[in-house]
Amino acid sequence: MGNVSLVVPSIHPGYSLGRNVMIHTKDFEELAGSEEAQRWTLIAATSMALTSVRLFTDGELAAEAKQEFLKTKL
């Protein structure tokens, strides 16, 4: 992720599974397989997919994102 994000606009998304648990724990493992977590995962995945579709189909928006990226690039 690090090398790619130096060249093109990138995100490293994270999202809640509906409860406050630390990742990489037994509690997280149990929660991740639940229906509750699947609901939140579907919402997050749908949001990311729709954002991608919009960027791929709206050249003006994609160009704007790239310009913003170039302005903030170190």
PDB file of N, CA and C in Angstrom:
ATOM      1  N   MET A   1       0.826  -1.188   0.000  1.00  0.00           N
ATOM      2  CA  MET A   1       0.000   0.000   0.000  1.00  0.00           C
ATOM      3  C   MET A   1       0.867   1.247   0.000  1.00  0.00           C
ATOM      4  N   GLY A   2       1.910   1.293   0.781  1.00  0.00           N
ATOM      5  CA  GLY A   2       2.728   2.498   0.902  1.00  0.00           C
ATOM      6  C   GLY A   2       3.317   2.965  -0.410  1.00  0.00           C
ATOM      7  N   ASN A   3       3.926   2.067  -1.177  1.00  0.00           N
ATOM      8  CA  ASN A   3       4.529   2.461  -2.447  1.00  0.00           C
ATOM      9  C   ASN A   3       3.484   2.935  -3.446  1.00  0.00           C
ATOM     10  N   VAL A   4       2.364   2.258  -3.515  1.00  0.00           N
ATOM     11  CA  VAL A   4       1.302   2.635  -4.444  1.00  0.00           C
ATOM     12  C   VAL A   4       0.784   4.024  -4.111  1.00  0.00           C
ATOM     13  N   SER A   5       0.584   4.306  -2.836  1.00  0.00           N
ATOM     14  CA  SER A   5       0.003   5.589  -2.436  1.00  0.00           C
ATOM     15  C   SER A   5       0.942   6.765  -2.670  1.00  0.00           C
ATOM     16  N   LEU A   6       2.199   6.502  -2.973  1.00  0.00           N
ATOM     17  CA  LEU A   6       3.120   7.577  -3.338  1.00  0.00           C
ATOM     18  C   LEU A   6       2.937   7.990  -4.794  1.00  0.00           C
ATOM     19  N   VAL A   7       2.287   7.147  -5.582  1.00  0.00           N
ATOM     20  CA  VAL A   7       2.174   7.379  -7.020  1.00  0.00           C
ATOM     21  C   VAL A   7       0.758   7.773  -7.449  1.00  0.00           C
ATOM     22  N   VAL A   8      -0.243   7.179  -6.825  1.00  0.00           N
ATOM     23  CA  VAL A   8      -1.638   7.450  -7.198  1.00  0.00           C
ATOM     24  C   VAL A   8      -2.475   7.668  -5.937  1.00  0.00           C
ATOM     25  N   PRO A   9      -3.581   8.414  -6.068  1.00  0.00           N
ATOM     26  CA  PRO A   9      -4.469   8.575  -4.919  1.00  0.00           C
ATOM     27  C   PRO A   9      -4.919   7.206  -4.416  1.00  0.00           C
ATOM     28  N   SER A  10      -4.853   7.004  -3.123  1.00  0.00           N
ATOM     29  CA  SER A  10      -5.158   5.696  -2.537  1.00  0.00           C
ATOM     30  C   SER A  10      -5.887   5.868  -1.213  1.00  0.00           C
ATOM     31  N   ILE A  11      -6.576   4.822  -0.818  1.00  0.00           N
ATOM     32  CA  ILE A  11      -7.174   4.798   0.512  1.00  0.00           C
ATOM     33  C   ILE A  11      -6.816   3.478   1.180  1.00  0.00           C
ATOM     34  N   HIS A  12      -6.798   3.496   2.477  1.00  0.00           N
ATOM     35  CA  HIS A  12      -6.622   2.278   3.268  1.00  0.00           C
ATOM     36  C   HIS A  12      -7.794   2.267   4.246  1.00  0.00           C
ATOM     37  N   PRO A  13      -8.946   1.793   3.773  1.00  0.00           N
ATOM     38  CA  PRO A  13     -10.165   1.951   4.558  1.00  0.00           C
ATOM     39  C   PRO A  13     -10.235   1.044   5.781  1.00  0.00           C
ATOM     40  N   GLY A  14     -10.977   1.502   6.728  1.00  0.00           N
ATOM     41  CA  GLY A  14     -11.312   0.725   7.910  1.00  0.00           C
ATOM     42  C   GLY A  14     -12.764   1.021   8.247  1.00  0.00           C
ATOM     43  N   TYR A  15     -13.402   0.141   8.960  1.00  0.00           N
ATOM     44  CA  TYR A  15     -14.797   0.363   9.322  1.00  0.00           C
ATOM     45  C   TYR A  15     -15.122  -0.408  10.592  1.00  0.00           C
ATOM     46  N   SER A  16     -16.210  -0.016  11.209  1.00  0.00           N
ATOM     47  CA  SER A  16     -16.657  -0.644  12.449  1.00  0.00           C
ATOM     48  C   SER A  16     -17.491  -1.883  12.145  1.00  0.00           C
ATOM     49  N   LEU A  17     -17.396  -2.860  13.009  1.00  0.00           N
ATOM     50  CA  LEU A  17     -18.269  -4.031  12.913  1.00  0.00           C
ATOM     51  C   LEU A  17     -19.471  -3.890  13.836  1.00  0.00           C
ATOM     52  N   GLY A  18     -19.696  -2.687  14.321  1.00  0.00           N
ATOM     53  CA  GLY A  18     -20.873  -2.420  15.128  1.00  0.00           C
ATOM     54  C   GLY A  18     -20.640  -2.454  16.626  1.00  0.00           C
ATOM     55  N   ARG A  19     -19.494  -2.959  17.038  1.00  0.00           N
ATOM     56  CA  ARG A  19     -19.142  -2.984  18.465  1.00  0.00           C
ATOM     57  C   ARG A  19     -17.691  -2.577  18.621  1.00  0.00           C
ATOM     58  N   ASN A  20     -17.347  -2.107  19.796  1.00  0.00           N
ATOM     59  CA  ASN A  20     -15.996  -1.623  20.061  1.00  0.00           C
ATOM     60  C   ASN A  20     -15.105  -2.775  20.530  1.00  0.00           C
ATOM     61  N   VAL A  21     -14.474  -3.465  19.569  1.00  0.00           N
ATOM     62  CA  VAL A  21     -13.540  -4.542  19.907  1.00  0.00           C
ATOM     63  C   VAL A  21     -12.229  -4.288  19.175  1.00  0.00           C
ATOM     64  N   MET A  22     -11.149  -4.713  19.772  1.00  0.00           N
ATOM     65  CA  MET A  22      -9.827  -4.561  19.159  1.00  0.00           C
ATOM     66  C   MET A  22      -9.627  -5.650  18.105  1.00  0.00           C
ATOM     67  N   ILE A  23      -8.997  -5.275  16.985  1.00  0.00           N
ATOM     68  CA  ILE A  23      -8.711  -6.271  15.956  1.00  0.00           C
ATOM     69  C   ILE A  23      -7.647  -7.244  16.457  1.00  0.00           C
ATOM     70  N   HIS A  24      -7.573  -8.379  15.821  1.00  0.00           N
ATOM     71  CA  HIS A  24      -6.591  -9.426  16.148  1.00  0.00           C
ATOM     72  C   HIS A  24      -6.772  -9.989  17.561  1.00  0.00           C
ATOM     73  N   THR A  25      -8.021 -10.006  18.027  1.00  0.00           N
ATOM     74  CA  THR A  25      -8.324 -10.603  19.329  1.00  0.00           C
ATOM     75  C   THR A  25      -9.379 -11.694  19.132  1.00  0.00           C
ATOM     76  N   LYS A  26      -9.557 -12.514  20.143  1.00  0.00           N
ATOM     77  CA  LYS A  26     -10.585 -13.557  20.104  1.00  0.00           C
ATOM     78  C   LYS A  26     -11.976 -12.928  19.969  1.00  0.00           C
ATOM     79  N   ASP A  27     -12.216 -11.825  20.691  1.00  0.00           N
ATOM     80  CA  ASP A  27     -13.510 -11.141  20.586  1.00  0.00           C
ATOM     81  C   ASP A  27     -13.775 -10.691  19.148  1.00  0.00           C
ATOM     82  N   PHE A  28     -12.741 -10.158  18.503  1.00  0.00           N
ATOM     83  CA  PHE A  28     -12.888  -9.722  17.116  1.00  0.00           C
ATOM     84  C   PHE A  28     -13.173 -10.913  16.203  1.00  0.00           C
ATOM     85  N   GLU A  29     -12.465 -11.999  16.419  1.00  0.00           N
ATOM     86  CA  GLU A  29     -12.671 -13.211  15.608  1.00  0.00           C
ATOM     87  C   GLU A  29     -14.124 -13.670  15.694  1.00  0.00           C
ATOM     88  N   GLU A  30     -14.667 -13.680  16.897  1.00  0.00           N
ATOM     89  CA  GLU A  30     -16.052 -14.110  17.086  1.00  0.00           C
ATOM     90  C   GLU A  30     -17.029 -13.135  16.439  1.00  0.00           C
ATOM     91  N   LEU A  31     -16.773 -11.850  16.598  1.00  0.00           N
ATOM     92  CA  LEU A  31     -17.649 -10.838  16.021  1.00  0.00           C
ATOM     93  C   LEU A  31     -17.596 -10.858  14.495  1.00  0.00           C
ATOM     94  N   ALA A  32     -16.413 -11.057  13.931  1.00  0.00           N
ATOM     95  CA  ALA A  32     -16.242 -10.997  12.473  1.00  0.00           C
ATOM     96  C   ALA A  32     -17.099 -12.022  11.738  1.00  0.00           C
ATOM     97  N   GLY A  33     -17.411 -13.128  12.355  1.00  0.00           N
ATOM     98  CA  GLY A  33     -18.228 -14.153  11.713  1.00  0.00           C
ATOM     99  C   GLY A  33     -19.721 -13.997  11.947  1.00  0.00           C
ATOM    100  N   SER A  34     -20.117 -12.958  12.634  1.00  0.00           N
ATOM    101  CA  SER A  34     -21.526 -12.795  12.997  1.00  0.00           C
ATOM    102  C   SER A  34     -22.336 -12.121  11.892  1.00  0.00           C
ATOM    103  N   GLU A  35     -23.663 -12.285  11.958  1.00  0.00           N
ATOM    104  CA  GLU A  35     -24.556 -11.597  11.018  1.00  0.00           C
ATOM    105  C   GLU A  35     -24.423 -10.093  11.165  1.00  0.00           C
ATOM    106  N   GLU A  36     -24.272  -9.621  12.390  1.00  0.00           N
ATOM    107  CA  GLU A  36     -24.104  -8.187  12.651  1.00  0.00           C
ATOM    108  C   GLU A  36     -22.909  -7.638  11.874  1.00  0.00           C
ATOM    109  N   ALA A  37     -21.791  -8.333  11.946  1.00  0.00           N
ATOM    110  CA  ALA A  37     -20.582  -7.885  11.247  1.00  0.00           C
ATOM    111  C   ALA A  37     -20.760  -7.973   9.736  1.00  0.00           C
ATOM    112  N   GLN A  38     -21.465  -8.986   9.268  1.00  0.00           N
ATOM    113  CA  GLN A  38     -21.687  -9.121   7.829  1.00  0.00           C
ATOM    114  C   GLN A  38     -22.477  -7.936   7.287  1.00  0.00           C
ATOM    115  N   ARG A  39     -23.423  -7.458   8.071  1.00  0.00           N
ATOM    116  CA  ARG A  39     -24.209  -6.284   7.664  1.00  0.00           C
ATOM    117  C   ARG A  39     -23.301  -5.080   7.488  1.00  0.00           C
ATOM    118  N   TRP A  40     -22.447  -4.810   8.477  1.00  0.00           N
ATOM    119  CA  TRP A  40     -21.534  -3.662   8.393  1.00  0.00           C
ATOM    120  C   TRP A  40     -20.527  -3.837   7.259  1.00  0.00           C
ATOM    121  N   THR A  41     -20.078  -5.054   7.038  1.00  0.00           N
ATOM    122  CA  THR A  41     -19.130  -5.326   5.957  1.00  0.00           C
ATOM    123  C   THR A  41     -19.777  -5.071   4.602  1.00  0.00           C
ATOM    124  N   LEU A  42     -21.015  -5.480   4.431  1.00  0.00           N
ATOM    125  CA  LEU A  42     -21.720  -5.244   3.175  1.00  0.00           C
ATOM    126  C   LEU A  42     -21.907  -3.747   2.923  1.00  0.00           C
ATOM    127  N   ILE A  43     -22.229  -2.996   3.950  1.00  0.00           N
ATOM    128  CA  ILE A  43     -22.370  -1.543   3.811  1.00  0.00           C
ATOM    129  C   ILE A  43     -21.039  -0.925   3.383  1.00  0.00           C
ATOM    130  N   ALA A  44     -19.955  -1.305   4.040  1.00  0.00           N
ATOM    131  CA  ALA A  44     -18.637  -0.754   3.703  1.00  0.00           C
ATOM    132  C   ALA A  44     -18.219  -1.151   2.290  1.00  0.00           C
ATOM    133  N   ALA A  45     -18.407  -2.411   1.932  1.00  0.00           N
ATOM    134  CA  ALA A  45     -18.020  -2.885   0.598  1.00  0.00           C
ATOM    135  C   ALA A  45     -18.833  -2.196  -0.492  1.00  0.00           C
ATOM    136  N   THR A  46     -20.118  -2.021  -0.255  1.00  0.00           N
ATOM    137  CA  THR A  46     -20.972  -1.338  -1.227  1.00  0.00           C
ATOM    138  C   THR A  46     -20.536   0.107  -1.404  1.00  0.00           C
ATOM    139  N   SER A  47     -20.227   0.779  -0.312  1.00  0.00           N
ATOM    140  CA  SER A  47     -19.763   2.167  -0.385  1.00  0.00           C
ATOM    141  C   SER A  47     -18.478   2.280  -1.193  1.00  0.00           C
ATOM    142  N   MET A  48     -17.526   1.378  -0.938  1.00  0.00           N
ATOM    143  CA  MET A  48     -16.263   1.413  -1.686  1.00  0.00           C
ATOM    144  C   MET A  48     -16.490   1.092  -3.159  1.00  0.00           C
ATOM    145  N   ALA A  49     -17.359   0.136  -3.451  1.00  0.00           N
ATOM    146  CA  ALA A  49     -17.629  -0.227  -4.844  1.00  0.00           C
ATOM    147  C   ALA A  49     -18.295   0.923  -5.595  1.00  0.00           C
ATOM    148  N   LEU A  50     -19.275   1.562  -4.979  1.00  0.00           N
ATOM    149  CA  LEU A  50     -19.959   2.673  -5.637  1.00  0.00           C
ATOM    150  C   LEU A  50     -19.030   3.862  -5.838  1.00  0.00           C
ATOM    151  N   THR A  51     -18.140   4.101  -4.894  1.00  0.00           N
ATOM    152  CA  THR A  51     -17.141   5.159  -5.059  1.00  0.00           C
ATOM    153  C   THR A  51     -16.233   4.846  -6.237  1.00  0.00           C
ATOM    154  N   SER A  52     -15.806   3.606  -6.351  1.00  0.00           N
ATOM    155  CA  SER A  52     -14.954   3.192  -7.472  1.00  0.00           C
ATOM    156  C   SER A  52     -15.675   3.368  -8.801  1.00  0.00           C
ATOM    157  N   VAL A  53     -16.922   2.934  -8.870  1.00  0.00           N
ATOM    158  CA  VAL A  53     -17.696   3.080 -10.105  1.00  0.00           C
ATOM    159  C   VAL A  53     -17.787   4.547 -10.491  1.00  0.00           C
ATOM    160  N   ARG A  54     -18.047   5.393  -9.527  1.00  0.00           N
ATOM    161  CA  ARG A  54     -18.166   6.827  -9.828  1.00  0.00           C
ATOM    162  C   ARG A  54     -16.856   7.385 -10.360  1.00  0.00           C
ATOM    163  N   LEU A  55     -15.744   7.013  -9.744  1.00  0.00           N
ATOM    164  CA  LEU A  55     -14.446   7.505 -10.219  1.00  0.00           C
ATOM    165  C   LEU A  55     -14.118   6.974 -11.617  1.00  0.00           C
ATOM    166  N   PHE A  56     -14.468   5.724 -11.893  1.00  0.00           N
ATOM    167  CA  PHE A  56     -14.192   5.141 -13.208  1.00  0.00           C
ATOM    168  C   PHE A  56     -15.098   5.699 -14.304  1.00  0.00           C
ATOM    169  N   THR A  57     -16.274   6.186 -13.945  1.00  0.00           N
ATOM    170  CA  THR A  57     -17.223   6.654 -14.958  1.00  0.00           C
ATOM    171  C   THR A  57     -17.324   8.173 -15.044  1.00  0.00           C
ATOM    172  N   ASP A  58     -16.710   8.878 -14.127  1.00  0.00           N
ATOM    173  CA  ASP A  58     -16.753  10.346 -14.120  1.00  0.00           C
ATOM    174  C   ASP A  58     -15.325  10.868 -14.239  1.00  0.00           C
ATOM    175  N   GLY A  59     -14.908  11.098 -15.476  1.00  0.00           N
ATOM    176  CA  GLY A  59     -13.539  11.544 -15.729  1.00  0.00           C
ATOM    177  C   GLY A  59     -13.201  12.849 -15.039  1.00  0.00           C
ATOM    178  N   GLU A  60     -14.171  13.748 -14.947  1.00  0.00           N
ATOM    179  CA  GLU A  60     -13.936  15.033 -14.285  1.00  0.00           C
ATOM    180  C   GLU A  60     -13.646  14.832 -12.794  1.00  0.00           C
ATOM    181  N   LEU A  61     -14.407  13.980 -12.152  1.00  0.00           N
ATOM    182  CA  LEU A  61     -14.183  13.694 -10.735  1.00  0.00           C
ATOM    183  C   LEU A  61     -12.825  13.028 -10.527  1.00  0.00           C
ATOM    184  N   ALA A  62     -12.481  12.087 -11.396  1.00  0.00           N
ATOM    185  CA  ALA A  62     -11.184  11.412 -11.288  1.00  0.00           C
ATOM    186  C   ALA A  62     -10.045  12.408 -11.466  1.00  0.00           C
ATOM    187  N   ALA A  63     -10.181  13.323 -12.421  1.00  0.00           N
ATOM    188  CA  ALA A  63      -9.143  14.339 -12.642  1.00  0.00           C
ATOM    189  C   ALA A  63      -9.023  15.257 -11.431  1.00  0.00           C
ATOM    190  N   GLU A  64     -10.156  15.613 -10.841  1.00  0.00           N
ATOM    191  CA  GLU A  64     -10.147  16.456  -9.638  1.00  0.00           C
ATOM    192  C   GLU A  64      -9.445  15.743  -8.483  1.00  0.00           C
ATOM    193  N   ALA A  65      -9.718  14.471  -8.317  1.00  0.00           N
ATOM    194  CA  ALA A  65      -9.064  13.694  -7.253  1.00  0.00           C
ATOM    195  C   ALA A  65      -7.561  13.651  -7.479  1.00  0.00           C
ATOM    196  N   LYS A  66      -7.163  13.468  -8.728  1.00  0.00           N
ATOM    197  CA  LYS A  66      -5.731  13.410  -9.024  1.00  0.00           C
ATOM    198  C   LYS A  66      -5.066  14.757  -8.765  1.00  0.00           C
ATOM    199  N   GLN A  67      -5.729  15.849  -9.128  1.00  0.00           N
ATOM    200  CA  GLN A  67      -5.163  17.179  -8.874  1.00  0.00           C
ATOM    201  C   GLN A  67      -5.014  17.431  -7.374  1.00  0.00           C
ATOM    202  N   GLU A  68      -6.011  17.058  -6.601  1.00  0.00           N
ATOM    203  CA  GLU A  68      -5.916  17.204  -5.143  1.00  0.00           C
ATOM    204  C   GLU A  68      -4.756  16.386  -4.601  1.00  0.00           C
ATOM    205  N   PHE A  69      -4.600  15.185  -5.114  1.00  0.00           N
ATOM    206  CA  PHE A  69      -3.495  14.320  -4.706  1.00  0.00           C
ATOM    207  C   PHE A  69      -2.159  14.984  -5.011  1.00  0.00           C
ATOM    208  N   LEU A  70      -2.020  15.522  -6.214  1.00  0.00           N
ATOM    209  CA  LEU A  70      -0.751  16.143  -6.606  1.00  0.00           C
ATOM    210  C   LEU A  70      -0.438  17.374  -5.761  1.00  0.00           C
ATOM    211  N   LYS A  71      -1.468  18.128  -5.347  1.00  0.00           N
ATOM    212  CA  LYS A  71      -1.251  19.313  -4.506  1.00  0.00           C
ATOM    213  C   LYS A  71      -0.732  18.939  -3.123  1.00  0.00           C
ATOM    214  N   THR A  72      -1.128  17.788  -2.623  1.00  0.00           N
ATOM    215  CA  THR A  72      -0.753  17.407  -1.255  1.00  0.00           C
ATOM    216  C   THR A  72       0.435  16.462  -1.208  1.00  0.00           C
ATOM    217  N   LYS A  73       0.908  16.052  -2.363  1.00  0.00           N
ATOM    218  CA  LYS A  73       2.020  15.102  -2.426  1.00  0.00           C
ATOM    219  C   LYS A  73       3.285  15.733  -1.861  1.00  0.00           C
ATOM    220  N   LEU A  74       3.990  14.988  -1.042  1.00  0.00           N
ATOM    221  CA  LEU A  74       5.216  15.501  -0.427  1.00  0.00           C
ATOM    222  C   LEU A  74       6.352  15.514  -1.402  1.00  0.00           C
TER     223      LEU A  74
END
